Amino acid sequence: MEENNPRARALYERLGYVAYDRQSDSWDEEAPDGSLRRYETMCTLMRKELS
Protein backbone atom coordinates (compact mmCIF):
# COMPACT_ATOMS: atom_id res chain seq x y z
CA MET A 1 0.00 0.00 0.00
CA GLU A 2 1.40 3.40 -0.94
CA GLU A 3 2.22 5.60 2.03
CA ASN A 4 0.41 8.58 0.52
CA ASN A 5 -2.96 6.81 0.87
CA PRO A 6 -4.10 7.21 4.51
CA ARG A 7 -7.68 6.13 3.76
CA ALA A 8 -6.48 2.77 2.45
CA ARG A 9 -4.29 2.31 5.52
CA ALA A 10 -7.22 3.11 7.82
CA LEU A 11 -9.35 0.51 6.02
CA TYR A 12 -6.69 -2.19 6.34
CA GLU A 13 -6.20 -1.36 10.02
CA ARG A 14 -9.96 -1.65 10.63
CA LEU A 15 -9.74 -5.11 9.02
CA GLY A 16 -7.03 -6.14 11.49
CA TYR A 17 -3.86 -5.55 9.45
CA VAL A 18 -0.76 -4.06 11.06
CA ALA A 19 2.19 -2.32 9.43
CA TYR A 20 5.47 -4.21 9.75
CA ASP A 21 7.89 -2.60 7.28
CA ARG A 22 8.43 -0.05 4.50
CA GLN A 23 9.71 -0.73 1.00
CA SER A 24 10.34 1.39 -2.06
CA ASP A 25 8.70 0.26 -5.28
CA SER A 26 8.74 1.46 -8.87
CA TRP A 27 7.32 0.54 -12.25
CA ASP A 28 7.04 1.92 -15.76
CA GLU A 29 3.81 3.61 -16.82
CA GLU A 30 2.79 4.36 -20.37
CA ALA A 31 1.69 7.93 -21.05
CA PRO A 32 -1.12 8.74 -23.51
CA ASP A 33 1.50 9.64 -26.13
CA GLY A 34 3.08 6.18 -25.84
CA SER A 35 6.18 7.27 -23.95
CA LEU A 36 7.22 5.49 -20.77
CA ARG A 37 7.86 7.13 -17.44
CA ARG A 38 9.19 5.60 -14.24
CA TYR A 39 6.84 5.84 -11.24
CA GLU A 40 8.55 5.55 -7.84
CA THR A 41 6.85 5.37 -4.46
CA MET A 42 7.29 4.21 -0.87
CA CYS A 43 4.98 1.47 0.34
CA THR A 44 3.93 0.33 3.79
CA LEU A 45 3.90 -3.45 4.10
CA MET A 46 1.00 -4.76 6.18
CA ARG A 47 0.04 -8.21 7.40
CA LYS A 48 -2.71 -9.94 9.28
CA GLU A 49 -2.44 -13.03 11.44
CA LEU A 50 -4.78 -15.78 10.30
CA SER A 51 -6.59 -17.70 13.00
PDB file of N, CA and C in Angstrom:
ATOM      1  N   MET A   1       0.841  -1.151   0.000  1.00  0.00           N
ATOM      2  CA  MET A   1       0.000   0.000   0.000  1.00  0.00           C
ATOM      3  C   MET A   1       0.903   1.235   0.000  1.00  0.00           C
ATOM      4  N   GLU A   2       0.598   2.176  -0.868  1.00  0.00           N
ATOM      5  CA  GLU A   2       1.396   3.398  -0.936  1.00  0.00           C
ATOM      6  C   GLU A   2       1.188   4.244   0.326  1.00  0.00           C
ATOM      7  N   GLU A   3       2.287   4.811   0.807  1.00  0.00           N
ATOM      8  CA  GLU A   3       2.221   5.598   2.032  1.00  0.00           C
ATOM      9  C   GLU A   3       1.386   6.865   1.901  1.00  0.00           C
ATOM     10  N   ASN A   4       1.185   7.345   0.698  1.00  0.00           N
ATOM     11  CA  ASN A   4       0.413   8.580   0.518  1.00  0.00           C
ATOM     12  C   ASN A   4      -1.085   8.292   0.377  1.00  0.00           C
ATOM     13  N   ASN A   5      -1.552   7.175   0.931  1.00  0.00           N
ATOM     14  CA  ASN A   5      -2.959   6.811   0.871  1.00  0.00           C
ATOM     15  C   ASN A   5      -3.466   6.472   2.281  1.00  0.00           C
ATOM     16  N   PRO A   6      -3.689   7.474   3.132  1.00  0.00           N
ATOM     17  CA  PRO A   6      -4.097   7.210   4.514  1.00  0.00           C
ATOM     18  C   PRO A   6      -5.470   6.545   4.638  1.00  0.00           C
ATOM     19  N   ARG A   7      -6.351   6.778   3.689  1.00  0.00           N
ATOM     20  CA  ARG A   7      -7.677   6.131   3.760  1.00  0.00           C
ATOM     21  C   ARG A   7      -7.566   4.626   3.555  1.00  0.00           C
ATOM     22  N   ALA A   8      -6.690   4.200   2.651  1.00  0.00           N
ATOM     23  CA  ALA A   8      -6.480   2.767   2.445  1.00  0.00           C
ATOM     24  C   ALA A   8      -5.883   2.146   3.709  1.00  0.00           C
ATOM     25  N   ARG A   9      -4.900   2.841   4.305  1.00  0.00           N
ATOM     26  CA  ARG A   9      -4.287   2.307   5.524  1.00  0.00           C
ATOM     27  C   ARG A   9      -5.328   2.171   6.628  1.00  0.00           C
ATOM     28  N   ALA A  10      -6.181   3.169   6.793  1.00  0.00           N
ATOM     29  CA  ALA A  10      -7.224   3.105   7.824  1.00  0.00           C
ATOM     30  C   ALA A  10      -8.151   1.920   7.584  1.00  0.00           C
ATOM     31  N   LEU A  11      -8.495   1.660   6.335  1.00  0.00           N
ATOM     32  CA  LEU A  11      -9.348   0.511   6.018  1.00  0.00           C
ATOM     33  C   LEU A  11      -8.660  -0.791   6.408  1.00  0.00           C
ATOM     34  N   TYR A  12      -7.412  -0.963   5.999  1.00  0.00           N
ATOM     35  CA  TYR A  12      -6.691  -2.189   6.339  1.00  0.00           C
ATOM     36  C   TYR A  12      -6.563  -2.350   7.859  1.00  0.00           C
ATOM     37  N   GLU A  13      -6.310  -1.262   8.565  1.00  0.00           N
ATOM     38  CA  GLU A  13      -6.201  -1.355  10.017  1.00  0.00           C
ATOM     39  C   GLU A  13      -7.531  -1.749  10.651  1.00  0.00           C
ATOM     40  N   ARG A  14      -8.646  -1.242  10.122  1.00  0.00           N
ATOM     41  CA  ARG A  14      -9.964  -1.651  10.627  1.00  0.00           C
ATOM     42  C   ARG A  14     -10.199  -3.134  10.391  1.00  0.00           C
ATOM     43  N   LEU A  15      -9.586  -3.683   9.336  1.00  0.00           N
ATOM     44  CA  LEU A  15      -9.741  -5.111   9.021  1.00  0.00           C
ATOM     45  C   LEU A  15      -8.741  -5.985   9.781  1.00  0.00           C
ATOM     46  N   GLY A  16      -7.934  -5.390  10.641  1.00  0.00           N
ATOM     47  CA  GLY A  16      -7.031  -6.144  11.491  1.00  0.00           C
ATOM     48  C   GLY A  16      -5.595  -6.246  11.013  1.00  0.00           C
ATOM     49  N   TYR A  17      -5.239  -5.534   9.941  1.00  0.00           N
ATOM     50  CA  TYR A  17      -3.860  -5.549   9.445  1.00  0.00           C
ATOM     51  C   TYR A  17      -2.996  -4.594  10.260  1.00  0.00           C
ATOM     52  N   VAL A  18      -1.717  -4.930  10.375  1.00  0.00           N
ATOM     53  CA  VAL A  18      -0.764  -4.057  11.055  1.00  0.00           C
ATOM     54  C   VAL A  18       0.440  -3.835  10.147  1.00  0.00           C
ATOM     55  N   ALA A  19       0.999  -2.640  10.217  1.00  0.00           N
ATOM     56  CA  ALA A  19       2.189  -2.317   9.429  1.00  0.00           C
ATOM     57  C   ALA A  19       3.386  -3.004  10.060  1.00  0.00           C
ATOM     58  N   TYR A  20       4.277  -3.556   9.214  1.00  0.00           N
ATOM     59  CA  TYR A  20       5.467  -4.208   9.751  1.00  0.00           C
ATOM     60  C   TYR A  20       6.755  -3.773   9.061  1.00  0.00           C
ATOM     61  N   ASP A  21       6.672  -3.030   7.965  1.00  0.00           N
ATOM     62  CA  ASP A  21       7.892  -2.602   7.283  1.00  0.00           C
ATOM     63  C   ASP A  21       7.537  -1.577   6.218  1.00  0.00           C
ATOM     64  N   ARG A  22       8.573  -0.975   5.634  1.00  0.00           N
ATOM     65  CA  ARG A  22       8.427  -0.052   4.505  1.00  0.00           C
ATOM     66  C   ARG A  22       9.330  -0.549   3.391  1.00  0.00           C
ATOM     67  N   GLN A  23       8.921  -0.283   2.145  1.00  0.00           N
ATOM     68  CA  GLN A  23       9.712  -0.733   1.000  1.00  0.00           C
ATOM     69  C   GLN A  23       9.455   0.203  -0.172  1.00  0.00           C
ATOM     70  N   SER A  24      10.528   0.587  -0.853  1.00  0.00           N
ATOM     71  CA  SER A  24      10.340   1.393  -2.060  1.00  0.00           C
ATOM     72  C   SER A  24       9.917   0.470  -3.200  1.00  0.00           C
ATOM     73  N   ASP A  25       9.166   1.022  -4.123  1.00  0.00           N
ATOM     74  CA  ASP A  25       8.698   0.260  -5.278  1.00  0.00           C
ATOM     75  C   ASP A  25       8.675   1.197  -6.477  1.00  0.00           C
ATOM     76  N   SER A  26       8.796   0.645  -7.653  1.00  0.00           N
ATOM     77  CA  SER A  26       8.744   1.455  -8.872  1.00  0.00           C
ATOM     78  C   SER A  26       8.308   0.578 -10.039  1.00  0.00           C
ATOM     79  N   TRP A  27       7.737   1.232 -11.040  1.00  0.00           N
ATOM     80  CA  TRP A  27       7.317   0.539 -12.252  1.00  0.00           C
ATOM     81  C   TRP A  27       7.212   1.555 -13.373  1.00  0.00           C
ATOM     82  N   ASP A  28       7.190   1.059 -14.591  1.00  0.00           N
ATOM     83  CA  ASP A  28       7.042   1.918 -15.762  1.00  0.00           C
ATOM     84  C   ASP A  28       5.565   2.086 -16.076  1.00  0.00           C
ATOM     85  N   GLU A  29       5.173   3.309 -16.398  1.00  0.00           N
ATOM     86  CA  GLU A  29       3.806   3.614 -16.816  1.00  0.00           C
ATOM     87  C   GLU A  29       3.839   4.202 -18.217  1.00  0.00           C
ATOM     88  N   GLU A  30       2.868   3.821 -19.018  1.00  0.00           N
ATOM     89  CA  GLU A  30       2.791   4.357 -20.374  1.00  0.00           C
ATOM     90  C   GLU A  30       1.911   5.599 -20.392  1.00  0.00           C
ATOM     91  N   ALA A  31       2.428   6.674 -20.925  1.00  0.00           N
ATOM     92  CA  ALA A  31       1.689   7.932 -21.053  1.00  0.00           C
ATOM     93  C   ALA A  31       0.769   7.860 -22.269  1.00  0.00           C
ATOM     94  N   PRO A  32      -0.215   8.745 -22.359  1.00  0.00           N
ATOM     95  CA  PRO A  32      -1.122   8.745 -23.513  1.00  0.00           C
ATOM     96  C   PRO A  32      -0.401   8.863 -24.861  1.00  0.00           C
ATOM     97  N   ASP A  33       0.778   9.499 -24.867  1.00  0.00           N
ATOM     98  CA  ASP A  33       1.504   9.639 -26.128  1.00  0.00           C
ATOM     99  C   ASP A  33       2.377   8.424 -26.449  1.00  0.00           C
ATOM    100  N   GLY A  34       2.318   7.396 -25.595  1.00  0.00           N
ATOM    101  CA  GLY A  34       3.083   6.178 -25.842  1.00  0.00           C
ATOM    102  C   GLY A  34       4.447   6.142 -25.178  1.00  0.00           C
ATOM    103  N   SER A  35       4.880   7.252 -24.622  1.00  0.00           N
ATOM    104  CA  SER A  35       6.179   7.270 -23.946  1.00  0.00           C
ATOM    105  C   SER A  35       6.058   6.573 -22.590  1.00  0.00           C
ATOM    106  N   LEU A  36       7.191   6.131 -22.072  1.00  0.00           N
ATOM    107  CA  LEU A  36       7.217   5.488 -20.765  1.00  0.00           C
ATOM    108  C   LEU A  36       7.822   6.431 -19.738  1.00  0.00           C
ATOM    109  N   ARG A  37       7.281   6.379 -18.536  1.00  0.00           N
ATOM    110  CA  ARG A  37       7.863   7.128 -17.438  1.00  0.00           C
ATOM    111  C   ARG A  37       7.960   6.199 -16.241  1.00  0.00           C
ATOM    112  N   ARG A  38       8.947   6.430 -15.421  1.00  0.00           N
ATOM    113  CA  ARG A  38       9.187   5.603 -14.237  1.00  0.00           C
ATOM    114  C   ARG A  38       8.440   6.208 -13.059  1.00  0.00           C
ATOM    115  N   TYR A  39       7.572   5.419 -12.423  1.00  0.00           N
ATOM    116  CA  TYR A  39       6.840   5.843 -11.238  1.00  0.00           C
ATOM    117  C   TYR A  39       7.523   5.216 -10.024  1.00  0.00           C
ATOM    118  N   GLU A  40       7.891   6.034  -9.051  1.00  0.00           N
ATOM    119  CA  GLU A  40       8.554   5.550  -7.843  1.00  0.00           C
ATOM    120  C   GLU A  40       7.756   5.990  -6.622  1.00  0.00           C
ATOM    121  N   THR A  41       7.632   5.089  -5.652  1.00  0.00           N
ATOM    122  CA  THR A  41       6.849   5.374  -4.460  1.00  0.00           C
ATOM    123  C   THR A  41       7.395   4.593  -3.277  1.00  0.00           C
ATOM    124  N   MET A  42       6.951   4.953  -2.088  1.00  0.00           N
ATOM    125  CA  MET A  42       7.290   4.209  -0.872  1.00  0.00           C
ATOM    126  C   MET A  42       6.011   3.518  -0.401  1.00  0.00           C
ATOM    127  N   CYS A  43       6.132   2.254  -0.079  1.00  0.00           N
ATOM    128  CA  CYS A  43       4.977   1.468   0.344  1.00  0.00           C
ATOM    129  C   CYS A  43       5.120   1.004   1.782  1.00  0.00           C
ATOM    130  N   THR A  44       3.993   0.914   2.457  1.00  0.00           N
ATOM    131  CA  THR A  44       3.927   0.328   3.787  1.00  0.00           C
ATOM    132  C   THR A  44       3.491  -1.119   3.622  1.00  0.00           C
ATOM    133  N   LEU A  45       4.258  -2.042   4.173  1.00  0.00           N
ATOM    134  CA  LEU A  45       3.899  -3.450   4.103  1.00  0.00           C
ATOM    135  C   LEU A  45       3.051  -3.774   5.327  1.00  0.00           C
ATOM    136  N   MET A  46       1.927  -4.433   5.102  1.00  0.00           N
ATOM    137  CA  MET A  46       1.003  -4.762   6.185  1.00  0.00           C
ATOM    138  C   MET A  46       0.708  -6.243   6.149  1.00  0.00           C
ATOM    139  N   ARG A  47       0.399  -6.785   7.332  1.00  0.00           N
ATOM    140  CA  ARG A  47       0.040  -8.206   7.397  1.00  0.00           C
ATOM    141  C   ARG A  47      -1.024  -8.413   8.457  1.00  0.00           C
ATOM    142  N   LYS A  48      -1.650  -9.579   8.347  1.00  0.00           N
ATOM    143  CA  LYS A  48      -2.706  -9.937   9.282  1.00  0.00           C
ATOM    144  C   LYS A  48      -2.513 -11.392   9.666  1.00  0.00           C
ATOM    145  N   GLU A  49      -2.542 -11.653  10.963  1.00  0.00           N
ATOM    146  CA  GLU A  49      -2.440 -13.031  11.442  1.00  0.00           C
ATOM    147  C   GLU A  49      -3.751 -13.759  11.125  1.00  0.00           C
ATOM    148  N   LEU A  50      -3.602 -14.961  10.586  1.00  0.00           N
ATOM    149  CA  LEU A  50      -4.778 -15.777  10.305  1.00  0.00           C
ATOM    150  C   LEU A  50      -5.036 -16.703  11.493  1.00  0.00           C
ATOM    151  N   SER A  51      -6.289 -16.828  11.853  1.00  0.00           N
ATOM    152  CA  SER A  51      -6.587 -17.695  12.996  1.00  0.00           C
ATOM    153  C   SER A  51      -7.411 -18.887  12.600  1.00  0.00           C
TER     154      SER A  51
END
